[in-house]
Amino acid sequence: MVEAQSWTTRRMSNPRLDATTAAALNDQPIDIPATPPGDVRNSGIYAVGSRISPTVLTALIIASWYFSNIGVLLLNKYLLSIYGFRYPIFLTMLHMIACASYSYVAITFLEIVPRQHILSRRQFLKIFALTAIFCFSVVCGNTSLRYIPVSFNQAVGATGPFFTAIFAFLITCKKESAEVYLALLPVVFGIVLASNSEPLFNLFGFLVCVSSTAARALKSVVQGILLTSEAERLHSMNLLLYMAPMAAMILLPFTLYIEGNVASGAIEKARSDPFMVFLLIGNATVAYLVNLTNFLVTKHTSALTLQVLGNAKAAVAACVSVLIFRNPVTAMGIVGFGITTLGVVLYSEAKKRSKAVQK
């Protein structure tokens, strides 16, 4: 085991670093738990990271965030609605298996974050409760894509702050300022306008999409309550490492009972079209990249930047999906989506001002 060193103590041991390079490194403190071996330092991720400027690296990470977030939506829509893969619960289970596998490799071998362990049965039960809510949210979101366009799905999903405010009040009795509640009015009004003018409106798809959005908001509120202790709080990547396999185990009996012949149907489909295997693997991989890029964006920028990107993502995803799938849209639907997005931005700004006043 090589002892951890700082750049200050280590740079003089490497004659290839001149004074200018050493000074640049000293100006950018880097948190490195251990000195990698020489063959590792001169190859792979270390070599790439040292050759890319921080600005370019941040831009690449943000681009990857958009690619993964929008890509998983488009792939889910294609598989479930167009390609003919009618198993949203099974697809979600594949996502969870992929997230569990990739998370284990990323944390255990690549060490992107330090490994944390579940310390008690109480902590395990809390994580299991979050996992159950998480499963419901993802399954409902994927199911909705079978019945409604991605653009409408994103419009409904933008109402998340409305449900977050409701659950925060009902569960924790937390009251927001009048400005925050007023900002939620255009969020609701916009989605009502978009729903009434959606050409491909489907009531069941709309209801499960609303359920997915509400469950996602509920998870964020419950997570803030359950994992408040410093001893029990887990890094987002470690939380995914434990939640993903739990989610797969929860979803297995549901996919077997509700979707019935999912195994034989998937195998038969793969035999007739081997490309489906590539689609499923690619789709599951992109689903993991959504979580990884969320972490990387926060690490290289800030949580506020991630929030701003999230506000813009819905509009970008809606535009891209319309260009790809050619689903009809109306002027009133666009206006409704725009009002909802504006409401979300106003809500975010009102929340920031409210927190600043409380401090």
Protein backbone atom coordinates (compact mmCIF):
# COMPACT_ATOMS: atom_id res chain seq x y z
CA MET A 1 0.00 0.00 0.00
CA VAL A 2 1.56 3.28 -1.13
CA GLU A 3 1.29 6.07 1.41
CA ALA A 4 -0.81 9.08 0.38
CA GLN A 5 1.24 12.10 -0.71
CA SER A 6 0.43 15.66 -1.70
CA TRP A 7 1.56 17.22 -4.96
CA THR A 8 3.90 19.48 -3.02
CA THR A 9 5.93 16.61 -1.57
CA ARG A 10 5.79 14.46 -4.65
CA ARG A 11 6.59 16.83 -7.50
CA MET A 12 10.32 17.06 -6.67
CA SER A 13 10.68 13.30 -7.06
CA ASN A 14 9.74 13.52 -10.72
CA PRO A 15 12.50 15.19 -12.78
CA ARG A 16 10.24 15.44 -15.81
CA LEU A 17 8.22 18.21 -14.16
CA ASP A 18 9.76 21.64 -14.75
CA ALA A 19 9.24 24.62 -12.46
CA THR A 20 6.37 26.05 -14.50
CA THR A 21 4.42 22.80 -14.47
CA ALA A 22 5.06 22.34 -10.76
CA ALA A 23 3.80 25.84 -9.99
CA ALA A 24 0.64 25.18 -12.03
CA LEU A 25 0.02 22.00 -10.10
CA ASN A 26 0.49 23.78 -6.79
CA ASP A 27 -2.14 26.34 -7.82
CA GLN A 28 -4.65 23.50 -8.34
CA PRO A 29 -4.83 21.36 -5.19
CA ILE A 30 -5.90 17.84 -6.09
CA ASP A 31 -7.28 15.39 -3.60
CA ILE A 32 -5.50 12.10 -4.29
CA PRO A 33 -5.82 9.32 -1.72
CA ALA A 34 -2.70 7.48 -2.84
CA THR A 35 0.09 7.85 -5.36
CA PRO A 36 -0.71 5.64 -8.35
CA PRO A 37 2.11 3.44 -9.70
CA GLY A 38 4.18 4.86 -12.50
CA ASP A 39 2.65 2.72 -15.22
CA VAL A 40 -0.81 3.84 -14.16
CA ARG A 41 0.13 7.52 -13.98
CA ASN A 42 1.44 7.44 -17.52
CA SER A 43 -1.66 5.84 -19.02
CA GLY A 44 -5.43 5.77 -18.88
CA ILE A 45 -7.53 8.29 -17.02
CA TYR A 46 -4.57 10.00 -15.30
CA ALA A 47 -2.87 10.77 -18.59
CA VAL A 48 -6.11 11.99 -20.19
CA GLY A 49 -6.98 14.20 -17.21
CA SER A 50 -3.55 15.84 -17.24
CA ARG A 51 -3.84 16.72 -20.93
CA ILE A 52 -7.30 18.32 -20.82
CA SER A 53 -7.83 21.81 -19.47
CA PRO A 54 -10.37 22.17 -16.64
CA THR A 55 -12.68 24.23 -18.87
CA VAL A 56 -12.72 21.63 -21.63
CA LEU A 57 -13.14 18.82 -19.10
CA THR A 58 -16.14 20.56 -17.51
CA ALA A 59 -17.69 21.14 -20.95
CA LEU A 60 -17.24 17.46 -21.83
CA ILE A 61 -18.85 16.39 -18.55
CA ILE A 62 -21.85 18.68 -19.09
CA ALA A 63 -22.20 17.39 -22.67
CA SER A 64 -22.07 13.83 -21.33
CA TRP A 65 -24.73 14.73 -18.77
CA TYR A 66 -27.07 15.96 -21.52
CA PHE A 67 -26.28 12.96 -23.73
CA SER A 68 -27.01 10.41 -21.00
CA ASN A 69 -30.14 12.11 -19.58
CA ILE A 70 -31.74 12.69 -22.96
CA GLY A 71 -30.37 9.47 -24.44
CA VAL A 72 -31.96 7.22 -21.83
CA LEU A 73 -35.34 8.91 -22.39
CA LEU A 74 -35.15 8.46 -26.16
CA LEU A 75 -33.95 4.87 -25.89
CA ASN A 76 -36.70 4.00 -23.42
CA LYS A 77 -39.29 5.56 -25.72
CA TYR A 78 -37.92 3.72 -28.75
CA LEU A 79 -37.80 0.35 -27.00
CA LEU A 80 -41.16 0.53 -25.25
CA SER A 81 -43.27 2.38 -27.79
CA ILE A 82 -41.77 1.90 -31.25
CA TYR A 83 -39.51 -1.16 -31.20
CA GLY A 84 -42.16 -3.29 -29.50
CA PHE A 85 -40.41 -4.25 -26.25
CA ARG A 86 -43.50 -4.24 -23.97
CA TYR A 87 -41.85 -4.90 -20.63
CA PRO A 88 -41.21 -1.63 -18.71
CA ILE A 89 -40.75 -3.37 -15.34
CA PHE A 90 -38.23 -5.82 -16.79
CA LEU A 91 -36.43 -2.93 -18.53
CA THR A 92 -36.23 -1.06 -15.22
CA MET A 93 -34.84 -4.20 -13.55
CA LEU A 94 -32.12 -4.37 -16.23
CA HIS A 95 -31.29 -0.75 -15.45
CA MET A 96 -30.89 -1.58 -11.77
CA ILE A 97 -28.69 -4.61 -12.47
CA ALA A 98 -26.47 -2.47 -14.70
CA CYS A 99 -26.30 0.30 -12.08
CA ALA A 100 -25.34 -2.22 -9.40
CA SER A 101 -22.62 -3.78 -11.58
CA TYR A 102 -21.12 -0.53 -12.84
CA SER A 103 -21.28 1.06 -9.38
CA TYR A 104 -19.36 -1.86 -7.88
CA VAL A 105 -16.62 -1.55 -10.50
CA ALA A 106 -16.47 2.26 -10.25
CA ILE A 107 -16.22 2.30 -6.44
CA THR A 108 -14.26 -0.90 -5.75
CA PHE A 109 -11.74 -0.83 -8.58
CA LEU A 110 -11.72 2.69 -10.04
CA GLU A 111 -12.23 4.26 -6.59
CA ILE A 112 -14.13 7.29 -7.88
CA VAL A 113 -15.41 7.77 -4.32
CA PRO A 114 -14.42 6.08 -1.04
CA ARG A 115 -16.42 2.95 -0.25
CA GLN A 116 -18.98 3.34 2.53
CA HIS A 117 -20.71 0.47 4.31
CA ILE A 118 -24.16 -0.02 5.78
CA LEU A 119 -23.55 0.10 9.52
CA SER A 120 -26.82 -1.09 11.03
CA ARG A 121 -30.10 -2.84 10.35
CA ARG A 122 -31.87 0.47 10.92
CA GLN A 123 -29.84 2.11 8.16
CA PHE A 124 -30.53 -0.85 5.86
CA LEU A 125 -34.29 -0.54 6.39
CA LYS A 126 -34.16 3.18 5.66
CA ILE A 127 -32.34 2.57 2.39
CA PHE A 128 -34.80 -0.22 1.54
CA ALA A 129 -37.73 2.17 2.07
CA LEU A 130 -36.12 4.71 -0.27
CA THR A 131 -35.52 1.94 -2.80
CA ALA A 132 -39.20 0.97 -2.83
CA ILE A 133 -40.22 4.56 -3.61
CA PHE A 134 -37.44 4.80 -6.19
CA CYS A 135 -38.66 1.62 -7.94
CA PHE A 136 -42.21 2.91 -8.15
CA SER A 137 -41.02 6.22 -9.61
CA VAL A 138 -38.79 4.69 -12.29
CA VAL A 139 -41.28 2.00 -13.33
CA CYS A 140 -44.07 4.57 -13.66
CA GLY A 141 -41.80 6.88 -15.64
CA ASN A 142 -40.79 4.13 -18.06
CA THR A 143 -44.37 2.88 -18.38
CA SER A 144 -45.63 6.35 -19.27
CA LEU A 145 -43.30 6.43 -22.28
CA ARG A 146 -45.35 3.63 -23.84
CA TYR A 147 -48.41 5.87 -23.96
CA ILE A 148 -47.34 9.52 -24.19
CA PRO A 149 -44.63 11.38 -26.16
CA VAL A 150 -41.31 12.25 -24.54
CA SER A 151 -42.12 15.95 -24.91
CA PHE A 152 -45.31 15.61 -22.86
CA ASN A 153 -43.54 13.30 -20.40
CA GLN A 154 -40.97 16.01 -19.76
CA ALA A 155 -43.63 18.68 -19.37
CA VAL A 156 -45.34 16.63 -16.67
CA GLY A 157 -42.00 15.81 -15.05
CA ALA A 158 -41.22 19.52 -14.74
CA THR A 159 -43.94 19.79 -12.08
CA GLY A 160 -41.66 18.05 -9.56
CA PRO A 161 -41.19 21.18 -7.38
CA PHE A 162 -44.97 21.37 -6.88
CA PHE A 163 -45.09 17.86 -5.40
CA THR A 164 -41.91 18.45 -3.40
CA ALA A 165 -43.49 21.48 -1.72
CA ILE A 166 -46.67 19.50 -0.96
CA PHE A 167 -44.87 16.51 0.55
CA ALA A 168 -42.49 18.73 2.52
CA PHE A 169 -45.52 20.43 4.09
CA LEU A 170 -47.51 17.23 4.71
CA ILE A 171 -44.63 15.16 6.10
CA THR A 172 -42.38 17.68 7.82
CA CYS A 173 -44.84 20.59 8.23
CA LYS A 174 -42.26 22.76 6.48
CA LYS A 175 -43.76 26.01 5.23
CA GLU A 176 -42.26 27.98 2.41
CA SER A 177 -42.52 31.72 1.82
CA ALA A 178 -45.47 33.18 -0.06
CA GLU A 179 -43.13 33.92 -2.99
CA VAL A 180 -42.23 30.23 -3.30
CA TYR A 181 -45.86 29.11 -3.32
CA LEU A 182 -46.79 31.79 -5.86
CA ALA A 183 -44.02 30.55 -8.15
CA LEU A 184 -45.72 27.12 -8.21
CA LEU A 185 -48.88 28.55 -9.82
CA PRO A 186 -47.40 28.82 -13.34
CA VAL A 187 -45.93 25.32 -12.91
CA VAL A 188 -49.43 23.88 -12.47
CA PHE A 189 -51.15 26.22 -14.92
CA GLY A 190 -48.66 25.41 -17.68
CA ILE A 191 -49.12 21.66 -17.39
CA VAL A 192 -52.92 22.02 -17.40
CA LEU A 193 -52.62 24.07 -20.58
CA ALA A 194 -50.23 21.55 -22.17
CA SER A 195 -52.45 18.59 -21.21
CA ASN A 196 -55.59 20.10 -22.73
CA SER A 197 -53.81 20.73 -26.03
CA GLU A 198 -51.70 17.53 -26.28
CA PRO A 199 -52.66 15.75 -29.56
CA LEU A 200 -51.49 12.34 -28.29
CA PHE A 201 -52.92 12.66 -24.79
CA ASN A 202 -53.47 9.34 -23.04
CA LEU A 203 -55.11 9.36 -19.61
CA PHE A 204 -53.32 6.28 -18.27
CA GLY A 205 -49.95 7.49 -19.54
CA PHE A 206 -50.60 10.91 -18.00
CA LEU A 207 -51.57 9.42 -14.62
CA VAL A 208 -48.54 7.12 -14.35
CA CYS A 209 -46.28 10.01 -15.39
CA VAL A 210 -47.79 12.19 -12.64
CA SER A 211 -47.32 9.27 -10.22
CA SER A 212 -43.67 8.99 -11.24
CA THR A 213 -43.10 12.71 -10.70
CA ALA A 214 -44.83 12.64 -7.32
CA ALA A 215 -42.86 9.56 -6.20
CA ARG A 216 -39.59 11.21 -7.22
CA ALA A 217 -40.50 14.24 -5.11
CA LEU A 218 -41.53 12.00 -2.22
CA LYS A 219 -38.18 10.18 -2.36
CA SER A 220 -36.24 13.45 -2.10
CA VAL A 221 -38.27 14.52 0.95
CA VAL A 222 -38.08 11.12 2.65
CA GLN A 223 -34.35 10.84 1.94
CA GLY A 224 -33.82 14.17 3.69
CA ILE A 225 -35.64 12.81 6.73
CA LEU A 226 -34.24 9.28 6.93
CA LEU A 227 -30.58 9.91 6.16
CA THR A 228 -29.94 12.96 8.31
CA SER A 229 -27.40 11.43 10.67
CA GLU A 230 -23.76 11.93 9.65
CA ALA A 231 -23.10 8.27 10.45
CA GLU A 232 -25.94 7.10 8.18
CA ARG A 233 -25.54 9.59 5.36
CA LEU A 234 -24.14 8.00 2.20
CA HIS A 235 -22.51 9.53 -0.84
CA SER A 236 -24.85 9.46 -3.85
CA MET A 237 -22.70 6.88 -5.65
CA ASN A 238 -22.57 4.62 -2.57
CA LEU A 239 -26.32 5.01 -2.12
CA LEU A 240 -26.79 3.87 -5.73
CA LEU A 241 -24.49 0.91 -5.06
CA TYR A 242 -26.85 -0.36 -2.35
CA MET A 243 -30.18 0.77 -3.79
CA ALA A 244 -29.70 -0.73 -7.26
CA PRO A 245 -29.46 -4.43 -6.22
CA MET A 246 -32.31 -3.94 -3.73
CA ALA A 247 -34.41 -2.45 -6.53
CA ALA A 248 -33.63 -5.37 -8.83
CA MET A 249 -34.76 -7.85 -6.16
CA ILE A 250 -37.97 -5.86 -5.54
CA LEU A 251 -38.77 -5.70 -9.26
CA LEU A 252 -38.08 -9.37 -10.05
CA PRO A 253 -41.33 -10.82 -8.61
CA PHE A 254 -43.36 -7.96 -10.12
CA THR A 255 -41.99 -8.47 -13.61
CA LEU A 256 -42.60 -12.24 -13.38
CA TYR A 257 -46.15 -11.80 -12.08
CA ILE A 258 -47.33 -8.78 -14.09
CA GLU A 259 -45.38 -9.21 -17.31
CA GLY A 260 -45.64 -13.00 -17.23
CA ASN A 261 -43.70 -14.46 -20.15
CA VAL A 262 -41.08 -11.71 -20.11
CA ALA A 263 -38.12 -14.13 -20.20
CA SER A 264 -39.38 -16.23 -23.11
CA GLY A 265 -40.62 -13.13 -24.92
CA ALA A 266 -37.26 -11.37 -24.58
CA ILE A 267 -35.32 -14.47 -25.69
CA GLU A 268 -37.57 -14.99 -28.69
CA LYS A 269 -37.23 -11.35 -29.66
CA ALA A 270 -33.44 -11.52 -29.32
CA ARG A 271 -33.29 -14.61 -31.55
CA SER A 272 -35.28 -12.93 -34.27
CA ASP A 273 -33.37 -9.68 -33.93
CA PRO A 274 -29.94 -9.87 -32.22
CA PHE A 275 -29.74 -6.06 -32.36
CA MET A 276 -32.17 -6.01 -29.41
CA VAL A 277 -29.42 -7.30 -27.11
CA PHE A 278 -27.23 -4.36 -28.11
CA LEU A 279 -30.16 -1.99 -27.52
CA LEU A 280 -30.83 -3.35 -24.02
CA ILE A 281 -27.16 -3.30 -22.98
CA GLY A 282 -26.69 0.20 -24.38
CA ASN A 283 -29.89 1.40 -22.72
CA ALA A 284 -28.90 -0.01 -19.33
CA THR A 285 -25.40 1.46 -19.64
CA VAL A 286 -26.74 4.92 -20.42
CA ALA A 287 -29.09 4.59 -17.42
CA TYR A 288 -26.02 4.21 -15.20
CA LEU A 289 -24.26 7.10 -16.92
CA VAL A 290 -27.15 9.36 -15.86
CA ASN A 291 -26.19 8.77 -12.22
CA LEU A 292 -22.45 8.98 -12.87
CA THR A 293 -22.67 12.26 -14.78
CA ASN A 294 -24.95 13.73 -12.08
CA PHE A 295 -22.11 13.10 -9.63
CA LEU A 296 -19.41 14.42 -11.99
CA VAL A 297 -21.31 17.62 -12.81
CA THR A 298 -21.79 18.35 -9.11
CA LYS A 299 -18.13 17.57 -8.40
CA HIS A 300 -16.69 19.75 -11.18
CA THR A 301 -19.23 22.59 -10.94
CA SER A 302 -21.86 22.81 -8.20
CA ALA A 303 -25.27 21.52 -7.15
CA LEU A 304 -26.72 24.82 -8.41
CA THR A 305 -25.30 24.18 -11.88
CA LEU A 306 -26.90 20.75 -11.88
CA GLN A 307 -30.22 22.34 -10.96
CA VAL A 308 -29.93 24.87 -13.80
CA LEU A 309 -29.04 22.10 -16.27
CA GLY A 310 -32.03 20.12 -15.06
CA ASN A 311 -34.34 23.08 -15.74
CA ALA A 312 -33.05 23.30 -19.31
CA LYS A 313 -32.93 19.53 -19.89
CA ALA A 314 -36.69 19.09 -20.14
CA ALA A 315 -36.95 21.66 -22.94
CA VAL A 316 -33.95 20.23 -24.81
CA ALA A 317 -35.25 16.64 -24.47
CA ALA A 318 -38.69 17.71 -25.71
CA CYS A 319 -37.24 19.44 -28.78
CA VAL A 320 -34.94 16.52 -29.62
CA SER A 321 -37.75 13.97 -29.23
CA VAL A 322 -40.04 15.95 -31.54
CA LEU A 323 -37.29 16.10 -34.17
CA ILE A 324 -36.62 12.34 -33.91
CA PHE A 325 -40.08 10.84 -33.37
CA ARG A 326 -42.03 13.52 -35.27
CA ASN A 327 -44.88 13.53 -32.76
CA PRO A 328 -47.35 16.37 -33.39
CA VAL A 329 -47.26 19.41 -31.14
CA THR A 330 -49.54 22.41 -30.88
CA ALA A 331 -48.77 26.06 -30.26
CA MET A 332 -50.81 25.93 -27.07
CA GLY A 333 -48.85 22.89 -25.90
CA ILE A 334 -45.57 24.71 -26.48
CA VAL A 335 -46.86 27.74 -24.57
CA GLY A 336 -47.99 25.51 -21.69
CA PHE A 337 -44.61 23.79 -21.52
CA GLY A 338 -42.89 27.17 -21.60
CA ILE A 339 -45.04 28.48 -18.74
CA THR A 340 -44.27 25.38 -16.65
CA THR A 341 -40.53 25.72 -17.32
CA LEU A 342 -40.66 29.42 -16.41
CA GLY A 343 -42.47 28.50 -13.19
CA VAL A 344 -39.74 26.02 -12.29
CA VAL A 345 -37.07 28.70 -12.82
CA LEU A 346 -39.04 31.19 -10.70
CA TYR A 347 -39.47 28.54 -8.02
CA SER A 348 -35.72 27.85 -7.93
CA GLU A 349 -34.94 31.56 -7.63
CA ALA A 350 -37.58 32.04 -4.91
CA LYS A 351 -36.14 29.09 -2.95
CA LYS A 352 -32.65 30.60 -3.13
CA ARG A 353 -33.89 33.95 -1.86
CA SER A 354 -35.87 32.26 0.90
CA LYS A 355 -32.80 30.34 2.08
CA ALA A 356 -30.68 33.51 1.99
CA VAL A 357 -33.21 35.31 4.20
CA GLN A 358 -33.30 32.41 6.68
CA LYS A 359 -29.51 32.51 7.01
